[in-house]
Amino acid sequence: MPGTLREGYGAGMLDVGIAAPDFSAPDQDGTIVSLADLRGQWVALWWYPKASTPG
């Protein structure tokens, strides 16, 4: 169904052309940035799941 998340393999991924839901996250300086604040701009989100964890 258009406008929904995929099911099965790749679950949680958006289909091509579907806008990402709004979210907020801290940037590299700890400042909270909202996707809505960046609407209309190119956005690249990169994270390391094990960053700042022991091991």
PDB file of N, CA and C in Angstrom:
ATOM      1  N   MET A   1       0.859  -1.190   0.000  1.00  0.00           N
ATOM      2  CA  MET A   1       0.000   0.000   0.000  1.00  0.00           C
ATOM      3  C   MET A   1       0.896   1.242   0.000  1.00  0.00           C
ATOM      4  N   PRO A   2       0.699   2.182  -0.898  1.00  0.00           N
ATOM      5  CA  PRO A   2       1.521   3.384  -0.951  1.00  0.00           C
ATOM      6  C   PRO A   2       1.449   4.176   0.353  1.00  0.00           C
ATOM      7  N   GLY A   3       2.574   4.728   0.730  1.00  0.00           N
ATOM      8  CA  GLY A   3       2.608   5.582   1.915  1.00  0.00           C
ATOM      9  C   GLY A   3       2.767   4.827   3.218  1.00  0.00           C
ATOM     10  N   THR A   4       3.115   3.554   3.140  1.00  0.00           N
ATOM     11  CA  THR A   4       3.276   2.774   4.359  1.00  0.00           C
ATOM     12  C   THR A   4       4.684   2.228   4.446  1.00  0.00           C
ATOM     13  N   LEU A   5       4.974   1.658   5.620  1.00  0.00           N
ATOM     14  CA  LEU A   5       6.249   0.988   5.800  1.00  0.00           C
ATOM     15  C   LEU A   5       6.189  -0.383   5.154  1.00  0.00           C
ATOM     16  N   ARG A   6       7.319  -0.864   4.698  1.00  0.00           N
ATOM     17  CA  ARG A   6       7.392  -2.200   4.118  1.00  0.00           C
ATOM     18  C   ARG A   6       7.218  -3.247   5.207  1.00  0.00           C
ATOM     19  N   GLU A   7       6.720  -4.389   4.826  1.00  0.00           N
ATOM     20  CA  GLU A   7       6.602  -5.518   5.738  1.00  0.00           C
ATOM     21  C   GLU A   7       7.586  -6.587   5.314  1.00  0.00           C
ATOM     22  N   GLY A   8       7.940  -7.471   6.224  1.00  0.00           N
ATOM     23  CA  GLY A   8       8.853  -8.570   5.907  1.00  0.00           C
ATOM     24  C   GLY A   8      10.290  -8.082   5.858  1.00  0.00           C
ATOM     25  N   TYR A   9      11.076  -8.632   4.914  1.00  0.00           N
ATOM     26  CA  TYR A   9      12.480  -8.251   4.788  1.00  0.00           C
ATOM     27  C   TYR A   9      12.569  -6.752   4.557  1.00  0.00           C
ATOM     28  N   GLY A  10      13.413  -6.083   5.321  1.00  0.00           N
ATOM     29  CA  GLY A  10      13.534  -4.639   5.194  1.00  0.00           C
ATOM     30  C   GLY A  10      12.446  -3.914   5.957  1.00  0.00           C
ATOM     31  N   ALA A  11      11.758  -4.625   6.864  1.00  0.00           N
ATOM     32  CA  ALA A  11      10.686  -3.994   7.646  1.00  0.00           C
ATOM     33  C   ALA A  11      11.219  -2.747   8.333  1.00  0.00           C
ATOM     34  N   GLY A  12      10.423  -1.727   8.383  1.00  0.00           N
ATOM     35  CA  GLY A  12      10.823  -0.470   8.981  1.00  0.00           C
ATOM     36  C   GLY A  12      11.413   0.494   7.975  1.00  0.00           C
ATOM     37  N   MET A  13      11.594   0.053   6.748  1.00  0.00           N
ATOM     38  CA  MET A  13      12.124   0.926   5.708  1.00  0.00           C
ATOM     39  C   MET A  13      10.970   1.541   4.929  1.00  0.00           C
ATOM     40  N   LEU A  14      11.161   2.775   4.526  1.00  0.00           N
ATOM     41  CA  LEU A  14      10.146   3.451   3.722  1.00  0.00           C
ATOM     42  C   LEU A  14      10.317   3.093   2.259  1.00  0.00           C
ATOM     43  N   ASP A  15       9.235   3.080   1.538  1.00  0.00           N
ATOM     44  CA  ASP A  15       9.310   2.902   0.100  1.00  0.00           C
ATOM     45  C   ASP A  15       9.879   4.173  -0.528  1.00  0.00           C
ATOM     46  N   VAL A  16      10.491   4.031  -1.679  1.00  0.00           N
ATOM     47  CA  VAL A  16      11.050   5.174  -2.407  1.00  0.00           C
ATOM     48  C   VAL A  16       9.949   6.198  -2.665  1.00  0.00           C
ATOM     49  N   GLY A  17      10.255   7.465  -2.408  1.00  0.00           N
ATOM     50  CA  GLY A  17       9.311   8.543  -2.662  1.00  0.00           C
ATOM     51  C   GLY A  17       8.392   8.870  -1.497  1.00  0.00           C
ATOM     52  N   ILE A  18       8.466   8.094  -0.406  1.00  0.00           N
ATOM     53  CA  ILE A  18       7.631   8.344   0.765  1.00  0.00           C
ATOM     54  C   ILE A  18       8.418   9.208   1.740  1.00  0.00           C
ATOM     55  N   ALA A  19       7.814  10.274   2.222  1.00  0.00           N
ATOM     56  CA  ALA A  19       8.480  11.169   3.174  1.00  0.00           C
ATOM     57  C   ALA A  19       8.697  10.460   4.510  1.00  0.00           C
ATOM     58  N   ALA A  20       9.839  10.683   5.103  1.00  0.00           N
ATOM     59  CA  ALA A  20      10.140  10.106   6.416  1.00  0.00           C
ATOM     60  C   ALA A  20       9.268  10.755   7.477  1.00  0.00           C
ATOM     61  N   PRO A  21       8.860  10.002   8.489  1.00  0.00           N
ATOM     62  CA  PRO A  21       8.096  10.595   9.583  1.00  0.00           C
ATOM     63  C   PRO A  21       8.983  11.553  10.373  1.00  0.00           C
ATOM     64  N   ASP A  22       8.398  12.535  10.997  1.00  0.00           N
ATOM     65  CA  ASP A  22       9.169  13.505  11.767  1.00  0.00           C
ATOM     66  C   ASP A  22       9.804  12.828  12.973  1.00  0.00           C
ATOM     67  N   PHE A  23      11.016  13.219  13.304  1.00  0.00           N
ATOM     68  CA  PHE A  23      11.706  12.744  14.499  1.00  0.00           C
ATOM     69  C   PHE A  23      12.693  13.805  14.930  1.00  0.00           C
ATOM     70  N   SER A  24      13.156  13.694  16.152  1.00  0.00           N
ATOM     71  CA  SER A  24      14.180  14.585  16.680  1.00  0.00           C
ATOM     72  C   SER A  24      15.316  13.741  17.221  1.00  0.00           C
ATOM     73  N   ALA A  25      16.536  14.258  17.100  1.00  0.00           N
ATOM     74  CA  ALA A  25      17.711  13.553  17.593  1.00  0.00           C
ATOM     75  C   ALA A  25      18.813  14.574  17.859  1.00  0.00           C
ATOM     76  N   PRO A  26      19.738  14.247  18.764  1.00  0.00           N
ATOM     77  CA  PRO A  26      20.852  15.164  19.008  1.00  0.00           C
ATOM     78  C   PRO A  26      21.866  15.110  17.872  1.00  0.00           C
ATOM     79  N   ASP A  27      22.431  16.273  17.539  1.00  0.00           N
ATOM     80  CA  ASP A  27      23.501  16.303  16.540  1.00  0.00           C
ATOM     81  C   ASP A  27      24.833  16.040  17.232  1.00  0.00           C
ATOM     82  N   GLN A  28      25.938  16.204  16.516  1.00  0.00           N
ATOM     83  CA  GLN A  28      27.262  15.922  17.058  1.00  0.00           C
ATOM     84  C   GLN A  28      27.635  16.803  18.236  1.00  0.00           C
ATOM     85  N   ASP A  29      26.935  17.933  18.396  1.00  0.00           N
ATOM     86  CA  ASP A  29      27.207  18.844  19.506  1.00  0.00           C
ATOM     87  C   ASP A  29      26.194  18.708  20.633  1.00  0.00           C
ATOM     88  N   GLY A  30      25.235  17.783  20.490  1.00  0.00           N
ATOM     89  CA  GLY A  30      24.219  17.572  21.510  1.00  0.00           C
ATOM     90  C   GLY A  30      22.983  18.441  21.336  1.00  0.00           C
ATOM     91  N   THR A  31      22.957  19.273  20.305  1.00  0.00           N
ATOM     92  CA  THR A  31      21.796  20.119  20.021  1.00  0.00           C
ATOM     93  C   THR A  31      20.710  19.261  19.380  1.00  0.00           C
ATOM     94  N   ILE A  32      19.492  19.355  19.912  1.00  0.00           N
ATOM     95  CA  ILE A  32      18.388  18.579  19.361  1.00  0.00           C
ATOM     96  C   ILE A  32      17.948  19.191  18.031  1.00  0.00           C
ATOM     97  N   VAL A  33      17.916  18.365  17.005  1.00  0.00           N
ATOM     98  CA  VAL A  33      17.512  18.783  15.667  1.00  0.00           C
ATOM     99  C   VAL A  33      16.302  17.949  15.264  1.00  0.00           C
ATOM    100  N   SER A  34      15.285  18.605  14.725  1.00  0.00           N
ATOM    101  CA  SER A  34      14.085  17.930  14.263  1.00  0.00           C
ATOM    102  C   SER A  34      14.103  17.844  12.747  1.00  0.00           C
ATOM    103  N   LEU A  35      13.609  16.751  12.221  1.00  0.00           N
ATOM    104  CA  LEU A  35      13.527  16.630  10.767  1.00  0.00           C
ATOM    105  C   LEU A  35      12.673  17.749  10.189  1.00  0.00           C
ATOM    106  N   ALA A  36      11.657  18.162  10.917  1.00  0.00           N
ATOM    107  CA  ALA A  36      10.796  19.257  10.446  1.00  0.00           C
ATOM    108  C   ALA A  36      11.606  20.549  10.264  1.00  0.00           C
ATOM    109  N   ASP A  37      12.643  20.757  11.094  1.00  0.00           N
ATOM    110  CA  ASP A  37      13.493  21.950  10.975  1.00  0.00           C
ATOM    111  C   ASP A  37      14.289  21.939   9.670  1.00  0.00           C
ATOM    112  N   LEU A  38      14.484  20.752   9.106  1.00  0.00           N
ATOM    113  CA  LEU A  38      15.316  20.599   7.920  1.00  0.00           C
ATOM    114  C   LEU A  38      14.498  20.344   6.661  1.00  0.00           C
ATOM    115  N   ARG A  39      13.184  20.418   6.769  1.00  0.00           N
ATOM    116  CA  ARG A  39      12.295  20.132   5.634  1.00  0.00           C
ATOM    117  C   ARG A  39      12.690  20.988   4.431  1.00  0.00           C
ATOM    118  N   GLY A  40      12.782  20.365   3.272  1.00  0.00           N
ATOM    119  CA  GLY A  40      13.155  21.067   2.049  1.00  0.00           C
ATOM    120  C   GLY A  40      14.647  21.037   1.768  1.00  0.00           C
ATOM    121  N   GLN A  41      15.431  20.462   2.688  1.00  0.00           N
ATOM    122  CA  GLN A  41      16.872  20.358   2.501  1.00  0.00           C
ATOM    123  C   GLN A  41      17.239  18.876   2.362  1.00  0.00           C
ATOM    124  N   TRP A  42      18.405  18.598   1.785  1.00  0.00           N
ATOM    125  CA  TRP A  42      18.912  17.241   1.756  1.00  0.00           C
ATOM    126  C   TRP A  42      19.360  16.887   3.165  1.00  0.00           C
ATOM    127  N   VAL A  43      19.055  15.688   3.606  1.00  0.00           N
ATOM    128  CA  VAL A  43      19.435  15.241   4.953  1.00  0.00           C
ATOM    129  C   VAL A  43      20.065  13.862   4.852  1.00  0.00           C
ATOM    130  N   ALA A  44      21.219  13.702   5.464  1.00  0.00           N
ATOM    131  CA  ALA A  44      21.866  12.391   5.568  1.00  0.00           C
ATOM    132  C   ALA A  44      21.966  12.050   7.048  1.00  0.00           C
ATOM    133  N   LEU A  45      21.408  10.935   7.422  1.00  0.00           N
ATOM    134  CA  LEU A  45      21.450  10.489   8.812  1.00  0.00           C
ATOM    135  C   LEU A  45      22.412   9.327   8.906  1.00  0.00           C
ATOM    136  N   TRP A  46      23.407   9.449   9.761  1.00  0.00           N
ATOM    137  CA  TRP A  46      24.424   8.426   9.909  1.00  0.00           C
ATOM    138  C   TRP A  46      24.629   8.180  11.387  1.00  0.00           C
ATOM    139  N   TRP A  47      24.643   6.926  11.774  1.00  0.00           N
ATOM    140  CA  TRP A  47      24.891   6.612  13.174  1.00  0.00           C
ATOM    141  C   TRP A  47      25.618   5.284  13.277  1.00  0.00           C
ATOM    142  N   TYR A  48      26.237   5.088  14.409  1.00  0.00           N
ATOM    143  CA  TYR A  48      26.938   3.847  14.706  1.00  0.00           C
ATOM    144  C   TYR A  48      26.219   3.207  15.887  1.00  0.00           C
ATOM    145  N   PRO A  49      25.502   2.109  15.666  1.00  0.00           N
ATOM    146  CA  PRO A  49      24.712   1.496  16.738  1.00  0.00           C
ATOM    147  C   PRO A  49      25.508   1.157  17.992  1.00  0.00           C
ATOM    148  N   LYS A  50      26.799   0.840  17.858  1.00  0.00           N
ATOM    149  CA  LYS A  50      27.593   0.460  19.031  1.00  0.00           C
ATOM    150  C   LYS A  50      28.423   1.612  19.573  1.00  0.00           C
ATOM    151  N   ALA A  51      28.256   2.805  19.038  1.00  0.00           N
ATOM    152  CA  ALA A  51      29.022   3.948  19.531  1.00  0.00           C
ATOM    153  C   ALA A  51      28.661   4.207  20.994  1.00  0.00           C
ATOM    154  N   SER A  52      29.629   4.544  21.761  1.00  0.00           N
ATOM    155  CA  SER A  52      29.459   4.875  23.187  1.00  0.00           C
ATOM    156  C   SER A  52      28.906   3.707  23.999  1.00  0.00           C
ATOM    157  N   THR A  53      29.172   2.482  23.552  1.00  0.00           N
ATOM    158  CA  THR A  53      28.784   1.311  24.335  1.00  0.00           C
ATOM    159  C   THR A  53      30.045   0.509  24.656  1.00  0.00           C
ATOM    160  N   PRO A  54      30.040  -0.171  25.776  1.00  0.00           N
ATOM    161  CA  PRO A  54      31.221  -0.974  26.110  1.00  0.00           C
ATOM    162  C   PRO A  54      31.388  -2.157  25.165  1.00  0.00           C
ATOM    163  N   GLY A  55      32.624  -2.520  24.901  1.00  0.00           N
ATOM    164  CA  GLY A  55      32.880  -3.719  24.106  1.00  0.00           C
ATOM    165  C   GLY A  55      33.242  -3.499  22.730  1.00  0.00           C
TER     166      GLY A  55
END
